[in-house]
Amino acid sequence: MNRAHMAYDHGGIEALKPKPNGGRKHENMSLAQEKALLARFTKAAGAGEMLNIHDLKAAYEKAIGHATSDSTVYNLLHRHGWRKLMPRPFHPKRDLAAQNAFKKGFPDAVRRARWAAARRGRRLRIMFTDEARFGRINRVRPCWAPSGIRSGVAAQLVREYIYLYGAVSPKDGTCVYLIMPTSNLECFQIFLEVLARKFARQDILLVLDGAPYHRRGRLTIPDNITLLYLPAHSPELNPKENLWDEIREKIFKNYALKSIDEVRAKLRQAILYIERNPKLVRSITSFPYIANSL
């Protein structure tokens, strides 16, 4: 009561009103100053060079004139909408002009293929294909664990592989897979024939990279498949790459597999997982340039 009297004497009725809780009571910098500091690191962030807060913390401490905690810097990043994520990889030899031209011309390629299919009295299915190597080399990935437990994972470097060929239709999430012993012309020919039989009543516009054994030279292209090649060094334009990442993260996890038979069993599990989740497939393969053309 005495405190209330003293507050009223010094500040009047305003001094008796409740004070708001929360907020930044002790600011080292204004929001504008923080934004200006972070702007110096935007270019490095865009290039994927900020793996930790070491350089940012040093600059922050220099600006405020004293040491501070890591949590202060993390809170600063959170306040301005920064987050830690996996960068999108790209080939160092990519041609951005060629990639943009491909994306710009993709709707026309789809329209031409759709007209050709309509003349044959067929529907068109747009699919993207790729093959990936899976084997007994495992890369340890971060994982969750309760406090007090440090996970231990076997890491091995055993060069034994098999290949998974796959094609995805971003429109409905339909996928076709085939486990093969290697990656060559003969295996790709078999996969094309499997794909053609699977959708025998439809025409397929099949988008793929320009690997030597994907070229038309010695391939026999089924009548209902038309090949459309991506620009060179452009895996980021192929949504099938996202499914390989999904399989490695969700199915292969942190396993050190003891034989190729175990690898093959994991791939069968992966195929079932992808086939049973078409909604997930659509969400991670419907790139804007593709979705706008379907």
Protein backbone atom coordinates (compact mmCIF):
# COMPACT_ATOMS: atom_id res chain seq x y z
CA MET A 1 0.00 0.00 0.00
CA ASN A 2 2.82 2.36 0.86
CA ARG A 3 4.36 1.72 -2.56
CA ALA A 4 1.08 2.64 -4.24
CA HIS A 5 0.90 5.87 -2.25
CA MET A 6 4.47 6.75 -3.18
CA ALA A 7 3.86 5.94 -6.85
CA TYR A 8 0.72 8.13 -6.86
CA ASP A 9 2.58 10.98 -5.23
CA HIS A 10 5.30 10.85 -7.87
CA GLY A 11 3.34 9.98 -11.00
CA GLY A 12 -0.34 10.52 -10.38
CA ILE A 13 -3.02 8.14 -11.58
CA GLU A 14 -0.90 7.00 -14.56
CA ALA A 15 1.64 5.50 -12.15
CA LEU A 16 -1.02 3.12 -10.76
CA LYS A 17 -1.92 1.58 -14.12
CA PRO A 18 -0.58 -2.00 -14.70
CA LYS A 19 2.69 -2.22 -16.62
CA PRO A 20 2.82 -4.42 -19.75
CA ASN A 21 4.84 -7.63 -19.44
CA GLY A 22 7.35 -8.97 -21.95
CA GLY A 23 9.15 -7.01 -24.63
CA ARG A 24 12.83 -6.17 -24.87
CA LYS A 25 13.67 -4.39 -21.63
CA HIS A 26 17.41 -4.16 -22.23
CA GLU A 27 18.25 -3.49 -25.87
CA ASN A 28 21.82 -3.61 -27.10
CA MET A 29 20.66 -2.34 -30.49
CA SER A 30 17.52 -0.93 -32.01
CA LEU A 31 15.66 -3.09 -34.52
CA ALA A 32 16.93 -0.85 -37.31
CA GLN A 33 20.53 -1.29 -36.16
CA GLU A 34 20.07 -5.07 -35.97
CA LYS A 35 18.64 -5.10 -39.48
CA ALA A 36 21.60 -3.10 -40.77
CA LEU A 37 24.03 -5.51 -39.12
CA LEU A 38 22.31 -8.57 -40.62
CA ALA A 39 22.30 -6.93 -44.06
CA ARG A 40 26.09 -7.25 -44.07
CA PHE A 41 25.71 -11.03 -43.92
CA THR A 42 22.88 -11.45 -46.46
CA LYS A 43 25.19 -12.22 -49.38
CA ALA A 44 27.07 -14.88 -47.38
CA ALA A 45 23.74 -16.38 -46.26
CA GLY A 46 22.54 -16.60 -49.87
CA ALA A 47 25.73 -18.45 -50.79
CA GLY A 48 25.26 -20.95 -47.95
CA GLU A 49 28.37 -19.77 -46.11
CA MET A 50 26.80 -19.10 -42.69
CA LEU A 51 27.06 -22.54 -41.17
CA ASN A 52 27.27 -21.09 -37.64
CA ILE A 53 26.99 -17.75 -35.83
CA HIS A 54 30.74 -17.29 -35.20
CA ASP A 55 31.32 -14.33 -37.57
CA LEU A 56 27.95 -12.72 -36.83
CA LYS A 57 28.52 -12.91 -33.08
CA ALA A 58 31.96 -11.33 -33.43
CA ALA A 59 30.49 -8.45 -35.46
CA TYR A 60 27.63 -8.02 -32.98
CA GLU A 61 29.98 -7.90 -29.98
CA LYS A 62 32.21 -5.38 -31.76
CA ALA A 63 29.17 -3.20 -32.48
CA ILE A 64 27.86 -3.20 -28.89
CA GLY A 65 31.29 -3.03 -27.27
CA HIS A 66 31.10 -6.06 -24.99
CA ALA A 67 30.76 -9.84 -24.98
CA THR A 68 27.35 -11.50 -25.18
CA SER A 69 25.85 -14.98 -25.16
CA ASP A 70 25.06 -17.23 -28.12
CA SER A 71 21.37 -17.10 -27.18
CA THR A 72 21.34 -13.33 -27.69
CA VAL A 73 22.51 -13.80 -31.29
CA TYR A 74 20.05 -16.64 -31.91
CA ASN A 75 17.23 -14.44 -30.60
CA LEU A 76 18.36 -11.65 -32.93
CA LEU A 77 18.19 -14.03 -35.92
CA HIS A 78 14.76 -15.27 -34.87
CA ARG A 79 13.46 -11.71 -34.48
CA HIS A 80 14.32 -10.93 -38.09
CA GLY A 81 12.96 -14.14 -39.59
CA TRP A 82 16.23 -15.97 -40.19
CA ARG A 83 16.23 -19.76 -39.89
CA LYS A 84 18.69 -22.59 -40.43
CA LEU A 85 17.94 -24.73 -43.46
CA MET A 86 19.50 -27.01 -46.03
CA PRO A 87 20.74 -25.05 -49.09
CA ARG A 88 19.47 -26.03 -52.53
CA PRO A 89 22.41 -27.68 -54.32
CA PHE A 90 23.24 -26.82 -57.91
CA HIS A 91 25.90 -27.87 -60.39
CA PRO A 92 28.82 -25.39 -60.63
CA LYS A 93 28.59 -25.54 -64.44
CA ARG A 94 24.89 -24.76 -64.67
CA ASP A 95 23.71 -22.29 -67.31
CA LEU A 96 21.05 -20.06 -65.73
CA ALA A 97 20.02 -18.64 -69.11
CA ALA A 98 19.44 -22.16 -70.49
CA GLN A 99 17.51 -23.15 -67.36
CA ASN A 100 15.27 -20.10 -67.56
CA ALA A 101 14.69 -20.70 -71.27
CA PHE A 102 13.69 -24.30 -70.55
CA LYS A 103 11.21 -23.24 -67.85
CA LYS A 104 9.79 -20.54 -70.08
CA GLY A 105 9.39 -22.96 -73.00
CA PHE A 106 8.04 -25.87 -70.95
CA PRO A 107 4.34 -24.89 -71.33
CA ASP A 108 4.73 -24.87 -75.13
CA ALA A 109 6.38 -28.30 -75.06
CA VAL A 110 3.49 -29.62 -72.99
CA ARG A 111 0.91 -28.11 -75.35
CA ARG A 112 2.58 -29.69 -78.39
CA ALA A 113 2.73 -33.09 -76.70
CA ARG A 114 -0.91 -32.76 -75.59
CA TRP A 115 -2.04 -31.95 -79.13
CA ALA A 116 -0.07 -34.91 -80.49
CA ALA A 117 -1.67 -37.21 -77.91
CA ALA A 118 -5.14 -35.85 -78.71
CA ARG A 119 -4.65 -36.62 -82.42
CA ARG A 120 -4.01 -40.22 -81.38
CA GLY A 121 -7.10 -40.20 -79.14
CA ARG A 122 -5.01 -40.44 -75.99
CA ARG A 123 -4.48 -38.54 -72.76
CA LEU A 124 -1.06 -37.09 -71.99
CA ARG A 125 0.87 -37.95 -68.83
CA ILE A 126 3.83 -35.72 -67.92
CA MET A 127 6.57 -37.59 -66.06
CA PHE A 128 10.10 -36.89 -64.87
CA THR A 129 12.64 -39.70 -64.68
CA ASP A 130 16.04 -40.29 -63.13
CA GLU A 131 18.09 -43.07 -61.57
CA ALA A 132 19.96 -43.03 -58.26
CA ARG A 133 22.66 -45.17 -56.71
CA PHE A 134 22.04 -46.76 -53.31
CA GLY A 135 24.57 -48.86 -51.49
CA ARG A 136 26.48 -49.63 -48.32
CA ILE A 137 28.22 -46.28 -47.87
CA ASN A 138 26.20 -44.43 -45.27
CA ARG A 139 26.30 -40.74 -44.38
CA VAL A 140 25.54 -40.04 -40.72
CA ARG A 141 22.63 -37.63 -40.37
CA PRO A 142 21.48 -35.56 -37.36
CA CYS A 143 18.81 -37.24 -35.26
CA TRP A 144 16.63 -36.59 -32.20
CA ALA A 145 17.54 -37.98 -28.78
CA PRO A 146 16.47 -37.25 -25.19
CA SER A 147 18.66 -35.30 -22.82
CA GLY A 148 21.59 -37.33 -21.51
CA ILE A 149 21.78 -39.66 -24.52
CA ARG A 150 24.33 -39.19 -27.31
CA SER A 151 23.38 -41.38 -30.26
CA GLY A 152 25.99 -43.69 -31.74
CA VAL A 153 25.83 -44.74 -35.39
CA ALA A 154 28.05 -47.14 -37.33
CA ALA A 155 29.67 -45.43 -40.33
CA GLN A 156 31.06 -47.56 -43.14
CA LEU A 157 32.70 -47.06 -46.53
CA VAL A 158 31.80 -50.17 -48.53
CA ARG A 159 31.59 -49.55 -52.28
CA GLU A 160 28.77 -51.90 -53.21
CA TYR A 161 25.78 -50.44 -55.04
CA ILE A 162 22.59 -51.10 -56.91
CA TYR A 163 20.41 -48.59 -58.76
CA LEU A 164 16.82 -47.47 -58.47
CA TYR A 165 15.22 -46.20 -61.68
CA GLY A 166 12.15 -44.07 -61.17
CA ALA A 167 9.62 -41.82 -62.87
CA VAL A 168 7.12 -39.47 -61.20
CA SER A 169 4.00 -37.74 -62.40
CA PRO A 170 3.75 -34.51 -60.35
CA LYS A 171 0.08 -33.99 -61.22
CA ASP A 172 -1.24 -37.03 -59.33
CA GLY A 173 1.83 -38.37 -57.48
CA THR A 174 1.96 -41.61 -59.45
CA CYS A 175 5.41 -43.23 -59.52
CA VAL A 176 7.02 -46.16 -61.32
CA TYR A 177 10.19 -47.80 -59.95
CA LEU A 178 12.55 -50.54 -61.02
CA ILE A 179 15.57 -51.87 -59.10
CA MET A 180 18.48 -52.57 -61.45
CA PRO A 181 22.05 -53.84 -60.97
CA THR A 182 23.74 -50.91 -62.73
CA SER A 183 23.20 -47.73 -64.71
CA ASN A 184 23.63 -48.17 -68.47
CA LEU A 185 21.83 -48.19 -71.82
CA GLU A 186 20.41 -51.68 -71.43
CA CYS A 187 18.93 -50.99 -67.99
CA PHE A 188 17.39 -47.72 -69.13
CA GLN A 189 15.89 -49.46 -72.18
CA ILE A 190 14.22 -52.01 -69.90
CA PHE A 191 12.87 -49.22 -67.69
CA LEU A 192 11.41 -47.39 -70.69
CA GLU A 193 9.62 -50.55 -71.78
CA VAL A 194 8.21 -51.08 -68.28
CA LEU A 195 7.00 -47.47 -68.21
CA ALA A 196 5.40 -47.76 -71.66
CA ARG A 197 3.51 -50.92 -70.67
CA LYS A 198 2.36 -49.38 -67.37
CA PHE A 199 0.63 -46.53 -69.23
CA ALA A 200 -0.08 -48.33 -72.50
CA ARG A 201 -3.29 -46.34 -73.11
CA GLN A 202 -1.67 -42.94 -72.56
CA ASP A 203 1.08 -40.92 -74.18
CA ILE A 204 3.97 -39.91 -71.93
CA LEU A 205 6.05 -36.75 -72.13
CA LEU A 206 9.14 -37.98 -70.31
CA VAL A 207 11.50 -35.27 -69.00
CA LEU A 208 15.05 -36.40 -68.24
CA ASP A 209 18.68 -35.35 -68.14
CA GLY A 210 21.12 -35.75 -71.01
CA ALA A 211 23.17 -38.69 -69.71
CA PRO A 212 24.83 -40.57 -72.62
CA TYR A 213 22.61 -43.62 -72.20
CA HIS A 214 19.49 -41.41 -72.19
CA ARG A 215 20.19 -40.21 -75.73
CA ARG A 216 18.15 -41.47 -78.66
CA GLY A 217 21.12 -42.98 -80.55
CA ARG A 218 20.92 -46.66 -79.67
CA LEU A 219 17.70 -46.46 -77.63
CA THR A 220 14.45 -47.86 -78.97
CA ILE A 221 11.86 -45.34 -77.82
CA PRO A 222 8.39 -46.87 -77.27
CA ASP A 223 5.64 -45.42 -79.48
CA ASN A 224 3.80 -43.80 -76.56
CA ILE A 225 6.85 -42.02 -75.07
CA THR A 226 8.33 -38.67 -76.14
CA LEU A 227 11.61 -37.59 -74.58
CA LEU A 228 12.23 -33.99 -73.47
CA TYR A 229 15.76 -33.23 -72.29
CA LEU A 230 16.65 -30.89 -69.45
CA PRO A 231 19.48 -28.37 -69.91
CA ALA A 232 22.94 -29.69 -69.06
CA HIS A 233 23.95 -29.69 -65.38
CA SER A 234 20.41 -28.96 -64.15
CA PRO A 235 19.39 -31.57 -61.55
CA GLU A 236 17.54 -28.86 -59.61
CA LEU A 237 14.95 -28.72 -62.43
CA ASN A 238 14.12 -32.42 -62.00
CA PRO A 239 11.67 -33.03 -59.11
CA LYS A 240 12.74 -36.69 -59.00
CA GLU A 241 15.82 -35.50 -57.10
CA ASN A 242 13.54 -34.51 -54.20
CA LEU A 243 12.22 -38.05 -53.99
CA TRP A 244 15.73 -39.47 -53.77
CA ASP A 245 16.34 -37.16 -50.78
CA GLU A 246 13.06 -38.26 -49.22
CA ILE A 247 13.99 -41.94 -49.58
CA ARG A 248 17.46 -41.45 -48.12
CA GLU A 249 16.15 -39.52 -45.13
CA LYS A 250 13.00 -41.53 -44.32
CA ILE A 251 14.02 -45.07 -45.27
CA PHE A 252 17.81 -45.40 -45.22
CA LYS A 253 18.23 -43.18 -42.14
CA ASN A 254 21.40 -43.96 -40.19
CA TYR A 255 21.67 -47.61 -41.18
CA ALA A 256 24.96 -49.39 -41.93
CA LEU A 257 23.62 -52.17 -44.15
CA LYS A 258 25.45 -55.50 -44.06
CA SER A 259 24.79 -56.70 -47.62
CA ILE A 260 23.38 -55.73 -51.01
CA ASP A 261 20.36 -57.89 -50.17
CA GLU A 262 19.66 -55.52 -47.26
CA VAL A 263 20.01 -52.54 -49.61
CA ARG A 264 17.54 -54.17 -52.00
CA ALA A 265 15.09 -54.81 -49.15
CA LYS A 266 15.33 -51.14 -48.11
CA LEU A 267 14.62 -50.07 -51.68
CA ARG A 268 11.50 -52.24 -51.77
CA GLN A 269 10.41 -50.59 -48.55
CA ALA A 270 11.11 -47.19 -50.10
CA ILE A 271 9.02 -47.98 -53.18
CA LEU A 272 6.04 -48.94 -51.00
CA TYR A 273 6.46 -45.80 -48.90
CA ILE A 274 6.45 -43.51 -51.95
CA GLU A 275 3.60 -45.33 -53.71
CA ARG A 276 1.40 -45.11 -50.59
CA ASN A 277 1.93 -41.35 -50.20
CA PRO A 278 0.84 -39.66 -53.45
CA LYS A 279 -0.14 -36.47 -51.61
CA LEU A 280 3.40 -36.17 -50.24
CA VAL A 281 4.82 -36.87 -53.70
CA ARG A 282 2.70 -34.12 -55.25
CA SER A 283 3.77 -31.63 -52.59
CA ILE A 284 7.51 -32.11 -53.14
CA THR A 285 7.51 -32.55 -56.93
CA SER A 286 5.08 -29.85 -58.10
CA PHE A 287 7.69 -27.21 -58.89
CA PRO A 288 6.07 -23.90 -59.91
CA TYR A 289 7.24 -24.13 -63.53
CA ILE A 290 5.70 -27.62 -63.72
CA ALA A 291 2.45 -26.92 -61.87
CA ASN A 292 1.74 -23.91 -64.11
CA SER A 293 1.91 -26.17 -67.18
CA LEU A 294 -0.26 -29.09 -66.04
